[in-house]
Structures are given as structure tokens and as C-alpha cells.
Amino acid sequence: MPDPRQLRVGDRIRFVALPDEWSAPGYFVHDESREFLQALIDRGRPSRVRRIDDDGIPWIEARLRADDGTIVHHDWGIREASGWVRL
């Protein structure tokens, strides 16, 4: 599996599945996180790494349309090694 810490600013990735890590016994994921990642998977477009934080975690920014039509901005740190592919 790819190591997310190998990603660099400007790299493009596509989310293709919910991370395998999320299925591990005792691993807790908020419903909002599942919904957000599923929305990225469903839209099928690549995301670009926008920044790397002090801990080496790559972050993307995403804009998604809410049910009421407004645009909602999200930041997402990529910590899991599965569920995404580098393009």
C-alpha cells in the first residue's frame, strides 16, 4: 500500500474506496467523515495535495455542494494508506 507521507504538495490523488483501516475492530470513524469521503469517491474527480503539516500529513481541500445548494469547503488529512491512488 502507498504511504501517504510520500505525497508532496501538488500531487494528484483519487479516492476510490473507503479505507480498509476503517473496518478494523475498534476503529472509530465519525459519520460525517464517512459521508465526506464517500462524496469524494462518488464524484470521481482527482484531488490535489495542497499542504503538508508539521507532522508530515498531506492535506487536500475540497469544495462540495450541500443539499441546500451552498458550497461547503473541507480540509482532509490523508492518514490512511488505502482507499486512494496517486495519479
N, C-alpha and C. Protein backbone atom coordinates (compact mmCIF):
# COMPACT_ATOMS: atom_id res chain seq x y z
N MET A 1 0.84 -1.18 0.00
CA MET A 1 0.00 0.00 0.00
C MET A 1 0.88 1.25 0.00
N PRO A 2 0.39 2.30 -0.62
CA PRO A 2 1.19 3.53 -0.64
C PRO A 2 1.24 4.19 0.73
N ASP A 3 2.33 4.87 0.97
CA ASP A 3 2.50 5.61 2.21
C ASP A 3 2.07 7.06 1.97
N PRO A 4 1.04 7.53 2.66
CA PRO A 4 0.58 8.90 2.41
C PRO A 4 1.66 9.95 2.70
N ARG A 5 2.63 9.62 3.55
CA ARG A 5 3.69 10.58 3.87
C ARG A 5 4.67 10.76 2.71
N GLN A 6 4.53 9.95 1.67
CA GLN A 6 5.37 10.11 0.47
C GLN A 6 4.77 11.11 -0.51
N LEU A 7 3.52 11.52 -0.26
CA LEU A 7 2.88 12.50 -1.13
C LEU A 7 3.51 13.87 -0.92
N ARG A 8 3.52 14.66 -1.97
CA ARG A 8 4.09 16.01 -1.92
C ARG A 8 3.04 17.02 -2.39
N VAL A 9 3.24 18.27 -2.04
CA VAL A 9 2.34 19.33 -2.49
C VAL A 9 2.28 19.30 -4.01
N GLY A 10 1.06 19.33 -4.54
CA GLY A 10 0.85 19.30 -5.98
C GLY A 10 0.51 17.92 -6.52
N ASP A 11 0.80 16.85 -5.77
CA ASP A 11 0.44 15.51 -6.22
C ASP A 11 -1.07 15.40 -6.34
N ARG A 12 -1.50 14.66 -7.35
CA ARG A 12 -2.93 14.42 -7.54
C ARG A 12 -3.26 13.00 -7.10
N ILE A 13 -4.37 12.87 -6.39
CA ILE A 13 -4.83 11.55 -5.95
C ILE A 13 -6.33 11.45 -6.24
N ARG A 14 -6.79 10.21 -6.32
CA ARG A 14 -8.23 9.97 -6.45
C ARG A 14 -8.64 8.99 -5.36
N PHE A 15 -9.70 9.33 -4.66
CA PHE A 15 -10.25 8.43 -3.66
C PHE A 15 -11.12 7.41 -4.38
N VAL A 16 -10.86 6.12 -4.14
CA VAL A 16 -11.54 5.06 -4.88
C VAL A 16 -12.37 4.14 -3.98
N ALA A 17 -12.14 4.18 -2.68
CA ALA A 17 -12.87 3.32 -1.74
C ALA A 17 -12.68 3.87 -0.34
N LEU A 18 -13.58 3.48 0.55
CA LEU A 18 -13.36 3.82 1.96
C LEU A 18 -12.13 3.04 2.43
N PRO A 19 -11.29 3.64 3.26
CA PRO A 19 -10.06 2.98 3.68
C PRO A 19 -10.32 1.65 4.39
N ASP A 20 -9.49 0.66 4.09
CA ASP A 20 -9.58 -0.64 4.76
C ASP A 20 -9.39 -0.49 6.27
N GLU A 21 -8.55 0.46 6.66
CA GLU A 21 -8.26 0.67 8.08
C GLU A 21 -9.53 0.96 8.87
N TRP A 22 -10.51 1.57 8.22
CA TRP A 22 -11.74 1.93 8.91
C TRP A 22 -12.58 0.72 9.31
N SER A 23 -12.29 -0.43 8.74
CA SER A 23 -13.04 -1.66 9.06
C SER A 23 -12.42 -2.45 10.20
N ALA A 24 -11.28 -2.02 10.70
CA ALA A 24 -10.60 -2.74 11.77
C ALA A 24 -11.42 -2.69 13.05
N PRO A 25 -11.43 -3.77 13.82
CA PRO A 25 -12.16 -3.77 15.09
C PRO A 25 -11.67 -2.64 16.00
N GLY A 26 -12.62 -1.91 16.56
CA GLY A 26 -12.30 -0.84 17.48
C GLY A 26 -11.93 0.48 16.82
N TYR A 27 -11.87 0.54 15.49
CA TYR A 27 -11.51 1.78 14.79
C TYR A 27 -12.77 2.61 14.64
N PHE A 28 -12.76 3.82 15.18
CA PHE A 28 -13.94 4.68 15.15
C PHE A 28 -13.78 5.76 14.09
N VAL A 29 -14.82 5.94 13.29
CA VAL A 29 -14.85 7.00 12.29
C VAL A 29 -16.20 7.70 12.40
N HIS A 30 -16.19 9.03 12.45
CA HIS A 30 -17.42 9.80 12.51
C HIS A 30 -18.23 9.60 11.22
N ASP A 31 -19.55 9.63 11.35
CA ASP A 31 -20.42 9.50 10.18
C ASP A 31 -20.15 10.59 9.16
N GLU A 32 -19.86 11.79 9.64
CA GLU A 32 -19.58 12.90 8.73
C GLU A 32 -18.33 12.62 7.88
N SER A 33 -17.35 11.97 8.47
CA SER A 33 -16.13 11.63 7.73
C SER A 33 -16.43 10.59 6.66
N ARG A 34 -17.24 9.59 7.00
CA ARG A 34 -17.63 8.58 6.01
C ARG A 34 -18.41 9.22 4.86
N GLU A 35 -19.33 10.10 5.19
CA GLU A 35 -20.13 10.76 4.16
C GLU A 35 -19.27 11.64 3.27
N PHE A 36 -18.33 12.37 3.86
CA PHE A 36 -17.44 13.22 3.09
C PHE A 36 -16.59 12.40 2.12
N LEU A 37 -15.96 11.36 2.65
CA LEU A 37 -15.09 10.56 1.78
C LEU A 37 -15.90 9.85 0.70
N GLN A 38 -17.10 9.39 1.04
CA GLN A 38 -17.95 8.75 0.03
C GLN A 38 -18.33 9.75 -1.06
N ALA A 39 -18.54 11.00 -0.70
CA ALA A 39 -18.85 12.02 -1.70
C ALA A 39 -17.66 12.23 -2.64
N LEU A 40 -16.44 12.21 -2.10
CA LEU A 40 -15.25 12.34 -2.96
C LEU A 40 -15.12 11.13 -3.89
N ILE A 41 -15.42 9.96 -3.39
CA ILE A 41 -15.37 8.74 -4.21
C ILE A 41 -16.41 8.84 -5.32
N ASP A 42 -17.63 9.22 -4.96
CA ASP A 42 -18.72 9.28 -5.93
C ASP A 42 -18.48 10.30 -7.02
N ARG A 43 -17.86 11.43 -6.68
CA ARG A 43 -17.66 12.44 -7.71
C ARG A 43 -16.58 12.02 -8.71
N GLY A 44 -15.64 11.17 -8.29
CA GLY A 44 -14.68 10.58 -9.21
C GLY A 44 -13.59 11.49 -9.73
N ARG A 45 -13.56 12.73 -9.27
CA ARG A 45 -12.52 13.65 -9.74
C ARG A 45 -11.31 13.59 -8.83
N PRO A 46 -10.14 13.87 -9.37
CA PRO A 46 -8.94 13.85 -8.52
C PRO A 46 -8.91 15.05 -7.58
N SER A 47 -8.15 14.89 -6.52
CA SER A 47 -7.89 15.95 -5.56
C SER A 47 -6.39 16.21 -5.58
N ARG A 48 -6.01 17.44 -5.25
CA ARG A 48 -4.59 17.81 -5.25
C ARG A 48 -4.14 18.06 -3.81
N VAL A 49 -2.95 17.55 -3.47
CA VAL A 49 -2.38 17.82 -2.16
C VAL A 49 -2.02 19.30 -2.11
N ARG A 50 -2.58 20.01 -1.13
CA ARG A 50 -2.39 21.46 -1.01
C ARG A 50 -1.31 21.84 -0.01
N ARG A 51 -1.13 21.01 1.02
CA ARG A 51 -0.11 21.34 2.02
C ARG A 51 0.30 20.08 2.77
N ILE A 52 1.44 20.16 3.41
CA ILE A 52 1.94 19.11 4.29
C ILE A 52 2.08 19.76 5.67
N ASP A 53 1.47 19.14 6.69
CA ASP A 53 1.54 19.77 8.02
C ASP A 53 2.85 19.43 8.72
N ASP A 54 3.03 19.94 9.92
CA ASP A 54 4.27 19.75 10.66
C ASP A 54 4.56 18.29 11.01
N ASP A 55 3.51 17.45 11.02
CA ASP A 55 3.68 16.03 11.29
C ASP A 55 3.89 15.21 10.03
N GLY A 56 3.96 15.88 8.87
CA GLY A 56 4.17 15.18 7.61
C GLY A 56 2.90 14.65 6.96
N ILE A 57 1.74 15.05 7.48
CA ILE A 57 0.46 14.59 6.93
C ILE A 57 0.08 15.47 5.74
N PRO A 58 -0.20 14.85 4.57
CA PRO A 58 -0.65 15.63 3.42
C PRO A 58 -2.13 15.98 3.57
N TRP A 59 -2.50 17.18 3.13
CA TRP A 59 -3.88 17.67 3.24
C TRP A 59 -4.39 18.09 1.88
N ILE A 60 -5.65 17.79 1.63
CA ILE A 60 -6.33 18.28 0.43
C ILE A 60 -7.39 19.28 0.87
N GLU A 61 -7.84 20.08 -0.07
CA GLU A 61 -9.00 20.95 0.13
C GLU A 61 -10.04 20.51 -0.87
N ALA A 62 -11.29 20.45 -0.44
CA ALA A 62 -12.37 20.05 -1.34
C ALA A 62 -13.56 20.97 -1.14
N ARG A 63 -14.24 21.24 -2.24
CA ARG A 63 -15.48 22.01 -2.19
C ARG A 63 -16.59 21.08 -2.66
N LEU A 64 -17.59 20.92 -1.83
CA LEU A 64 -18.74 20.07 -2.16
C LEU A 64 -20.02 20.87 -2.01
N ARG A 65 -20.99 20.52 -2.81
CA ARG A 65 -22.28 21.21 -2.74
C ARG A 65 -23.17 20.51 -1.70
N ALA A 66 -23.69 21.31 -0.77
CA ALA A 66 -24.59 20.79 0.26
C ALA A 66 -25.98 20.58 -0.35
N ASP A 67 -26.84 19.91 0.39
CA ASP A 67 -28.21 19.64 -0.07
C ASP A 67 -28.97 20.92 -0.40
N ASP A 68 -28.66 22.01 0.30
CA ASP A 68 -29.36 23.27 0.04
C ASP A 68 -28.74 24.08 -1.09
N GLY A 69 -27.70 23.52 -1.73
CA GLY A 69 -27.08 24.17 -2.88
C GLY A 69 -25.87 25.02 -2.56
N THR A 70 -25.60 25.25 -1.29
CA THR A 70 -24.43 26.05 -0.94
C THR A 70 -23.15 25.21 -1.11
N ILE A 71 -22.06 25.92 -1.32
CA ILE A 71 -20.76 25.26 -1.44
C ILE A 71 -20.11 25.21 -0.06
N VAL A 72 -19.66 24.02 0.32
CA VAL A 72 -19.02 23.83 1.63
C VAL A 72 -17.56 23.47 1.39
N HIS A 73 -16.66 24.16 2.09
CA HIS A 73 -15.22 23.92 1.97
C HIS A 73 -14.77 22.94 3.05
N HIS A 74 -13.94 22.00 2.66
CA HIS A 74 -13.44 20.98 3.58
C HIS A 74 -11.93 20.88 3.47
N ASP A 75 -11.27 20.55 4.57
CA ASP A 75 -9.87 20.15 4.59
C ASP A 75 -9.84 18.69 5.03
N TRP A 76 -8.94 17.90 4.43
CA TRP A 76 -8.88 16.49 4.77
C TRP A 76 -7.43 16.04 4.83
N GLY A 77 -7.01 15.54 5.97
CA GLY A 77 -5.67 14.99 6.13
C GLY A 77 -5.67 13.52 5.73
N ILE A 78 -4.73 13.14 4.90
CA ILE A 78 -4.66 11.76 4.41
C ILE A 78 -3.73 10.97 5.32
N ARG A 79 -4.32 10.16 6.18
CA ARG A 79 -3.56 9.37 7.14
C ARG A 79 -3.56 7.89 6.78
N GLU A 80 -4.59 7.45 6.07
CA GLU A 80 -4.72 6.03 5.74
C GLU A 80 -3.97 5.71 4.45
N ALA A 81 -3.46 4.49 4.38
CA ALA A 81 -2.68 4.06 3.22
C ALA A 81 -3.55 3.42 2.15
N SER A 82 -4.82 3.20 2.43
CA SER A 82 -5.70 2.56 1.44
C SER A 82 -6.86 3.49 1.11
N GLY A 83 -7.54 3.17 0.01
CA GLY A 83 -8.72 3.93 -0.38
C GLY A 83 -8.43 5.03 -1.38
N TRP A 84 -7.17 5.25 -1.74
CA TRP A 84 -6.81 6.29 -2.69
C TRP A 84 -5.68 5.79 -3.59
N VAL A 85 -5.56 6.42 -4.74
CA VAL A 85 -4.46 6.10 -5.67
C VAL A 85 -3.83 7.42 -6.12
N ARG A 86 -2.52 7.39 -6.33
CA ARG A 86 -1.82 8.55 -6.87
C ARG A 86 -1.97 8.53 -8.38
N LEU A 87 -2.22 9.68 -8.96
CA LEU A 87 -2.39 9.78 -10.42
C LEU A 87 -1.11 10.28 -11.07
